[in-house]
Amino acid sequence: MRDYLEFEQPLREIEEKIEKLSAAAAGGKTSAQSDIRKLRTKFAQVEYELYQNLTPWQRTQLARHSLRPSTLDYINELSRDFLEFHGDRAFGDDRAIVGGFARFNDRTVMMIGHQKGKTLKERMQRNFGMPNPEGYRKARRLMMMAEKFNRPIITFIDTPGAYPGIGAEERGQAEAIARNLFVMSRLRVPIISVIIGEGGSGGALALGVSDCVLMLEHSVYSVISPEGCAAILWDNPQKVPDAAAALKMTAKDLLEFGVIDDIVPEPLGGAHREPKAVCALVGKALTNQFFNLADLSVEQLLAHREHKYRKIGAVAGLPPTQPCESDSIQ
């Protein structure tokens, strides 16, 4: 049986009935075949209606699914000759961030992303996709290396947020994230980000300041998790679904706000149902966006990137915020 989430229980119940009838049919009960066909039709109808009316909290559960394709899944499926780099040249190597050069569409690019892991053991090794400062410094080192060799950058975002431990704070978590935002805003090569799962707060934004932000249909992107929001606003875990709705964290909401640039559709049931198909869709979207950016000069690229982020959150009728003197400080 499939790995069902809590809100998918009606589908589980139908599938259990189908399995029982299939066992009866295998035992020679011919009348079971007709019932199986009816149940399969009902299954398809219920599944379609369920996924046509997903709530933000249900989409969050899909975005966190343990079998959802990860950064390494996309890298392995979309590219070849991936050469992973390790370490930030200052403290150590953070396995929550992976990155390196790879061949994408017969062109060398830098691919960087959060890596959560699939099994419990892998998730513990990857710190559940929550990077420490050395992870963000590794990512920045690789981005600057890509700029040095004039190679485009692709980032995959999938993290509940930066690791909030004492050691991370002592080693400069906030500065590491802020420095990434600063550096990415001025990199002289094309950058495309893909939100493949959960995009949480500054931990996600540290890889997300790019020329184009793509987002999978059932991914989420927000300043805080629904659980954190519910705890702060209501001190009530029962308010988590309300918090998810209030945060406007779905792909549709963020496209309307101009925070992202395009939505990559997912198969019915989510990306984990057909990972190869999702990887192909992401590859096609990346190819299209690189084609759109190909004719821009470095000056146009930087101007487009600055305008893109200055207009986010602008009040209707007022011009976007203007650069201040501190923007030129290195």
Protein backbone atom coordinates (compact mmCIF):
# COMPACT_ATOMS: atom_id res chain seq x y z
CA MET A 1 0.00 0.00 0.00
CA ARG A 2 1.01 3.59 -0.53
CA ASP A 3 2.37 5.70 2.30
CA TYR A 4 -0.68 7.80 3.15
CA LEU A 5 -0.79 11.05 5.08
CA GLU A 6 -3.46 11.73 7.69
CA PHE A 7 -5.75 13.64 5.35
CA GLU A 8 -5.50 10.84 2.79
CA GLN A 9 -7.22 8.26 5.02
CA PRO A 10 -10.33 7.99 2.78
CA LEU A 11 -7.99 6.76 0.04
CA ARG A 12 -6.37 4.25 2.39
CA GLU A 13 -9.77 2.80 3.30
CA ILE A 14 -10.71 2.32 -0.35
CA GLU A 15 -7.36 0.72 -1.16
CA GLU A 16 -7.72 -1.69 1.77
CA LYS A 17 -11.07 -2.82 0.36
CA ILE A 18 -9.52 -3.25 -3.09
CA GLU A 19 -6.74 -5.41 -1.62
CA LYS A 20 -9.22 -7.65 0.20
CA LEU A 21 -11.30 -8.09 -2.94
CA SER A 22 -8.17 -8.74 -4.99
CA ALA A 23 -7.23 -11.54 -2.60
CA ALA A 24 -10.74 -12.97 -2.97
CA ALA A 25 -10.50 -12.74 -6.77
CA ALA A 26 -7.17 -14.55 -6.68
CA GLY A 27 -8.91 -17.31 -4.75
CA GLY A 28 -11.39 -17.82 -7.57
CA LYS A 29 -14.25 -15.52 -6.61
CA THR A 30 -15.18 -14.05 -10.01
CA SER A 31 -17.85 -11.63 -8.70
CA ALA A 32 -15.11 -9.64 -6.96
CA GLN A 33 -13.77 -8.25 -10.25
CA SER A 34 -16.81 -6.04 -10.80
CA ASP A 35 -16.56 -4.64 -7.26
CA ILE A 36 -12.85 -3.97 -7.74
CA ARG A 37 -13.52 -1.93 -10.89
CA LYS A 38 -16.15 0.14 -9.06
CA LEU A 39 -13.80 0.78 -6.15
CA ARG A 40 -10.97 1.83 -8.45
CA THR A 41 -13.29 4.29 -10.14
CA LYS A 42 -14.34 5.61 -6.73
CA PHE A 43 -10.67 5.84 -5.68
CA ALA A 44 -9.83 8.00 -8.71
CA GLN A 45 -12.80 10.30 -8.06
CA VAL A 46 -12.03 10.74 -4.36
CA GLU A 47 -8.34 11.34 -5.08
CA TYR A 48 -9.11 13.98 -7.71
CA GLU A 49 -11.60 15.82 -5.46
CA LEU A 50 -9.21 15.65 -2.51
CA TYR A 51 -6.28 17.18 -4.38
CA GLN A 52 -8.42 19.83 -6.04
CA ASN A 53 -9.30 21.24 -2.62
CA LEU A 54 -6.13 20.96 -0.55
CA THR A 55 -5.78 23.34 2.39
CA PRO A 56 -2.48 25.15 3.05
CA TRP A 57 -1.80 22.82 6.00
CA GLN A 58 -2.37 19.75 3.84
CA ARG A 59 0.06 21.14 1.27
CA THR A 60 2.57 21.66 4.07
CA GLN A 61 2.27 17.98 4.99
CA LEU A 62 2.89 17.05 1.35
CA ALA A 63 5.91 19.38 1.20
CA ARG A 64 7.37 17.56 4.21
CA HIS A 65 6.71 14.03 2.96
CA SER A 66 9.70 11.80 3.70
CA LEU A 67 9.62 10.27 0.19
CA ARG A 68 9.47 13.59 -1.64
CA PRO A 69 12.37 13.98 -4.16
CA SER A 70 15.38 15.66 -2.55
CA THR A 71 18.16 17.85 -3.89
CA LEU A 72 20.37 14.86 -4.68
CA ASP A 73 17.47 13.17 -6.47
CA TYR A 74 17.12 16.18 -8.78
CA ILE A 75 20.87 16.49 -9.29
CA ASN A 76 21.23 12.80 -10.16
CA GLU A 77 18.23 12.81 -12.48
CA LEU A 78 18.83 16.13 -14.26
CA SER A 79 22.60 16.24 -14.55
CA ARG A 80 25.69 14.12 -15.03
CA ASP A 81 29.29 14.24 -13.81
CA PHE A 82 28.28 15.81 -10.51
CA LEU A 83 31.39 16.69 -8.49
CA GLU A 84 30.48 17.46 -4.90
CA PHE A 85 32.55 19.95 -2.88
CA HIS A 86 32.88 19.88 0.89
CA GLY A 87 33.71 22.30 3.67
CA ASP A 88 33.60 26.05 4.21
CA ARG A 89 37.41 26.43 4.60
CA ALA A 90 36.83 27.84 8.08
CA PHE A 91 35.15 25.34 10.42
CA GLY A 92 33.94 22.14 8.78
CA ASP A 93 31.59 20.44 6.36
CA ASP A 94 27.83 20.70 6.85
CA ARG A 95 26.01 17.74 5.29
CA ALA A 96 22.69 19.62 5.36
CA ILE A 97 23.99 21.53 2.31
CA VAL A 98 25.26 19.74 -0.80
CA GLY A 99 26.76 21.38 -3.86
CA GLY A 100 29.16 21.12 -6.73
CA PHE A 101 29.66 21.44 -10.46
CA ALA A 102 27.57 19.27 -12.79
CA ARG A 103 26.64 19.06 -16.47
CA PHE A 104 23.10 20.25 -17.15
CA ASN A 105 21.95 20.39 -20.78
CA ASP A 106 25.60 19.90 -21.82
CA ARG A 107 26.58 23.00 -19.89
CA THR A 108 28.56 23.14 -16.65
CA VAL A 109 26.53 24.67 -13.82
CA MET A 110 26.87 24.94 -10.08
CA MET A 111 24.12 23.03 -8.22
CA ILE A 112 23.56 23.70 -4.51
CA GLY A 113 20.75 22.70 -2.21
CA HIS A 114 19.45 21.59 1.16
CA GLN A 115 19.48 17.85 1.78
CA LYS A 116 17.14 16.33 4.39
CA GLY A 117 17.62 12.63 3.80
CA LYS A 118 14.97 9.92 3.49
CA THR A 119 15.50 7.49 6.39
CA LEU A 120 15.82 8.49 10.05
CA LYS A 121 19.54 7.70 9.98
CA GLU A 122 20.09 9.87 6.90
CA ARG A 123 18.02 12.69 8.38
CA MET A 124 20.09 12.67 11.54
CA GLN A 125 23.29 12.77 9.47
CA ARG A 126 21.87 15.69 7.47
CA ASN A 127 20.54 17.41 10.61
CA PHE A 128 17.04 17.15 9.11
CA GLY A 129 17.99 19.67 6.43
CA MET A 130 18.72 22.47 8.92
CA PRO A 131 22.11 23.99 8.05
CA ASN A 132 24.64 25.39 10.47
CA PRO A 133 26.65 28.53 9.60
CA GLU A 134 29.35 26.43 7.94
CA GLY A 135 26.71 25.09 5.55
CA TYR A 136 25.77 28.56 4.36
CA ARG A 137 29.43 29.55 4.15
CA LYS A 138 30.09 26.46 2.04
CA ALA A 139 27.21 27.47 -0.24
CA ARG A 140 28.60 31.00 -0.53
CA ARG A 141 32.06 29.66 -1.33
CA LEU A 142 30.62 27.55 -4.15
CA MET A 143 28.57 30.45 -5.50
CA MET A 144 31.65 32.67 -5.65
CA MET A 145 33.54 29.83 -7.34
CA ALA A 146 30.78 29.63 -9.96
CA GLU A 147 31.04 33.38 -10.53
CA LYS A 148 34.82 33.11 -10.90
CA PHE A 149 34.43 30.55 -13.70
CA ASN A 150 31.34 32.25 -15.17
CA ARG A 151 29.00 29.33 -14.52
CA PRO A 152 25.23 29.63 -13.84
CA ILE A 153 23.89 28.59 -10.45
CA ILE A 154 20.90 26.39 -9.61
CA THR A 155 19.77 26.15 -6.00
CA PHE A 156 17.26 23.68 -4.55
CA ILE A 157 15.44 24.85 -1.43
CA ASP A 158 14.06 22.34 1.08
CA THR A 159 14.53 23.17 4.75
CA PRO A 160 12.40 23.86 7.82
CA GLY A 161 14.89 26.64 8.60
CA ALA A 162 18.43 27.29 9.75
CA TYR A 163 19.55 25.24 12.76
CA PRO A 164 18.76 27.25 15.94
CA GLY A 165 21.26 25.55 18.26
CA ILE A 166 23.60 27.38 20.62
CA GLY A 167 26.69 26.32 18.67
CA ALA A 168 25.20 27.64 15.44
CA GLU A 169 24.48 31.00 17.06
CA GLU A 170 27.98 31.15 18.56
CA ARG A 171 29.51 30.55 15.12
CA GLY A 172 27.50 33.38 13.54
CA GLN A 173 24.32 31.90 12.07
CA ALA A 174 22.68 35.27 11.43
CA GLU A 175 25.80 36.75 9.83
CA ALA A 176 26.25 33.71 7.58
CA ILE A 177 22.70 34.02 6.27
CA ALA A 178 22.93 37.79 5.86
CA ARG A 179 26.23 37.49 4.00
CA ASN A 180 24.65 34.99 1.58
CA LEU A 181 21.82 37.42 0.84
CA PHE A 182 24.34 40.17 0.20
CA VAL A 183 26.58 38.08 -2.04
CA MET A 184 23.76 36.51 -4.05
CA SER A 185 22.25 39.90 -4.79
CA ARG A 186 25.48 40.87 -6.61
CA LEU A 187 26.68 37.66 -8.26
CA ARG A 188 27.44 38.32 -11.91
CA VAL A 189 26.04 35.02 -13.20
CA PRO A 190 22.45 33.79 -13.67
CA ILE A 191 20.86 32.20 -10.60
CA ILE A 192 17.69 30.09 -10.58
CA SER A 193 16.17 28.73 -7.37
CA VAL A 194 13.66 25.89 -7.10
CA ILE A 195 11.59 25.40 -3.95
CA ILE A 196 11.21 21.61 -3.99
CA GLY A 197 9.69 21.07 -0.55
CA GLU A 198 9.63 23.24 2.53
CA GLY A 199 11.11 26.72 2.38
CA GLY A 200 11.48 27.96 5.93
CA SER A 201 12.47 31.52 6.85
CA GLY A 202 16.03 32.84 6.41
CA GLY A 203 17.32 29.30 6.22
CA ALA A 204 15.62 29.03 2.84
CA LEU A 205 16.18 32.62 1.72
CA ALA A 206 19.94 32.17 2.13
CA LEU A 207 19.81 30.12 -1.09
CA GLY A 208 16.89 31.97 -2.66
CA VAL A 209 18.03 35.42 -3.78
CA SER A 210 18.00 34.66 -7.49
CA ASP A 211 16.95 35.91 -10.90
CA CYS A 212 14.09 33.43 -11.05
CA VAL A 213 12.33 31.50 -8.28
CA LEU A 214 10.42 28.38 -9.30
CA MET A 215 8.19 26.51 -6.87
CA LEU A 216 6.66 23.07 -7.00
CA GLU A 217 2.88 23.04 -6.79
CA HIS A 218 2.68 21.47 -3.32
CA SER A 219 5.71 23.17 -1.81
CA VAL A 220 5.51 25.92 0.82
CA TYR A 221 7.61 29.04 1.48
CA SER A 222 7.17 31.22 4.55
CA VAL A 223 8.84 33.35 7.21
CA ILE A 224 7.99 30.83 9.94
CA SER A 225 6.53 27.35 10.24
CA PRO A 226 2.78 27.03 10.91
CA GLU A 227 3.62 25.41 14.27
CA GLY A 228 5.84 28.35 15.26
CA CYS A 229 3.26 30.87 14.13
CA ALA A 230 0.47 29.14 16.09
CA ALA A 231 2.66 29.03 19.20
CA ILE A 232 3.50 32.74 19.02
CA LEU A 233 0.07 34.11 18.07
CA TRP A 234 -2.29 31.78 19.92
CA ASP A 235 -0.16 29.50 22.12
CA ASN A 236 -2.40 26.75 20.83
CA PRO A 237 -1.26 23.78 18.68
CA GLN A 238 -4.83 23.32 17.46
CA LYS A 239 -4.44 26.58 15.52
CA VAL A 240 -1.72 25.20 13.22
CA PRO A 241 -4.07 24.85 10.19
CA ASP A 242 -5.28 28.43 10.74
CA ALA A 243 -1.69 29.64 10.92
CA ALA A 244 -0.84 27.87 7.64
CA ALA A 245 -3.75 29.63 5.94
CA ALA A 246 -2.85 33.03 7.41
CA LEU A 247 0.80 32.79 6.33
CA LYS A 248 -0.15 32.62 2.60
CA MET A 249 2.65 30.12 2.09
CA THR A 250 1.37 28.17 -0.93
CA ALA A 251 2.68 28.47 -4.47
CA LYS A 252 -0.53 30.07 -5.74
CA ASP A 253 -0.46 32.79 -3.06
CA LEU A 254 3.23 33.55 -3.57
CA LEU A 255 2.86 33.77 -7.34
CA GLU A 256 0.11 36.36 -6.88
CA PHE A 257 2.36 38.34 -4.52
CA GLY A 258 5.27 38.25 -6.97
CA VAL A 259 7.53 36.39 -4.52
CA ILE A 260 7.99 33.52 -6.99
CA ASP A 261 8.05 33.57 -10.79
CA ASP A 262 6.44 30.30 -11.85
CA ILE A 263 4.80 27.14 -10.51
CA VAL A 264 5.97 23.68 -11.55
CA PRO A 265 2.98 21.28 -11.56
CA GLU A 266 3.07 17.99 -9.67
CA PRO A 267 1.41 14.66 -10.48
CA LEU A 268 -1.85 13.87 -8.71
CA GLY A 269 -0.92 12.79 -5.21
CA GLY A 270 2.30 14.81 -4.98
CA ALA A 271 5.88 14.70 -6.23
CA HIS A 272 6.71 11.54 -4.26
CA ARG A 273 4.20 9.52 -6.34
CA GLU A 274 6.09 10.03 -9.62
CA PRO A 275 9.57 11.42 -8.84
CA LYS A 276 11.00 10.91 -12.33
CA ALA A 277 8.09 12.79 -13.90
CA VAL A 278 8.56 15.68 -11.46
CA CYS A 279 12.29 15.82 -12.16
CA ALA A 280 11.54 16.04 -15.88
CA LEU A 281 9.11 18.92 -15.30
CA VAL A 282 11.67 20.76 -13.17
CA GLY A 283 14.34 20.20 -15.83
CA LYS A 284 12.06 21.65 -18.50
CA ALA A 285 11.26 24.69 -16.35
CA LEU A 286 14.97 25.29 -15.66
CA THR A 287 15.79 25.05 -19.36
CA ASN A 288 13.10 27.60 -20.21
CA GLN A 289 14.30 30.05 -17.57
CA PHE A 290 17.94 29.79 -18.62
CA PHE A 291 16.81 30.53 -22.17
CA ASN A 292 15.02 33.67 -20.93
CA LEU A 293 18.12 34.85 -19.07
CA ALA A 294 20.62 33.98 -21.81
CA ASP A 295 20.43 37.28 -23.69
CA LEU A 296 20.83 39.54 -20.64
CA SER A 297 24.12 41.30 -20.12
CA VAL A 298 25.69 41.28 -16.64
CA GLU A 299 24.44 44.82 -16.05
CA GLN A 300 20.92 43.90 -17.13
CA LEU A 301 21.01 40.77 -14.99
CA LEU A 302 21.97 42.70 -11.86
CA ALA A 303 19.44 45.45 -12.55
CA HIS A 304 16.68 42.91 -13.10
CA ARG A 305 17.56 41.11 -9.86
CA GLU A 306 17.59 44.32 -7.84
CA HIS A 307 14.27 45.47 -9.25
CA LYS A 308 12.74 42.05 -8.64
CA TYR A 309 13.39 42.16 -4.91
CA ARG A 310 12.82 45.86 -4.31
CA LYS A 311 9.29 45.66 -5.70
CA ILE A 312 8.24 42.79 -3.40
CA GLY A 313 5.92 44.17 -0.76
CA ALA A 314 5.67 47.60 -2.41
CA VAL A 315 2.48 49.49 -1.55
CA ALA A 316 0.21 50.16 -4.53
CA GLY A 317 0.74 53.66 -5.88
CA LEU A 318 4.17 54.06 -4.30
CA PRO A 319 7.51 53.40 -6.04
CA PRO A 320 9.65 50.45 -4.90
CA THR A 321 12.26 51.21 -2.24
CA GLN A 322 15.38 52.93 -3.47
CA PRO A 323 18.99 51.91 -2.77
CA CYS A 324 20.57 53.48 0.29
CA GLU A 325 24.21 54.41 0.78
CA SER A 326 24.88 51.31 2.86
CA ASP A 327 24.03 49.10 -0.13
CA SER A 328 27.42 49.90 -1.61
CA ILE A 329 29.35 48.78 1.47
CA GLN A 330 31.24 45.51 0.84
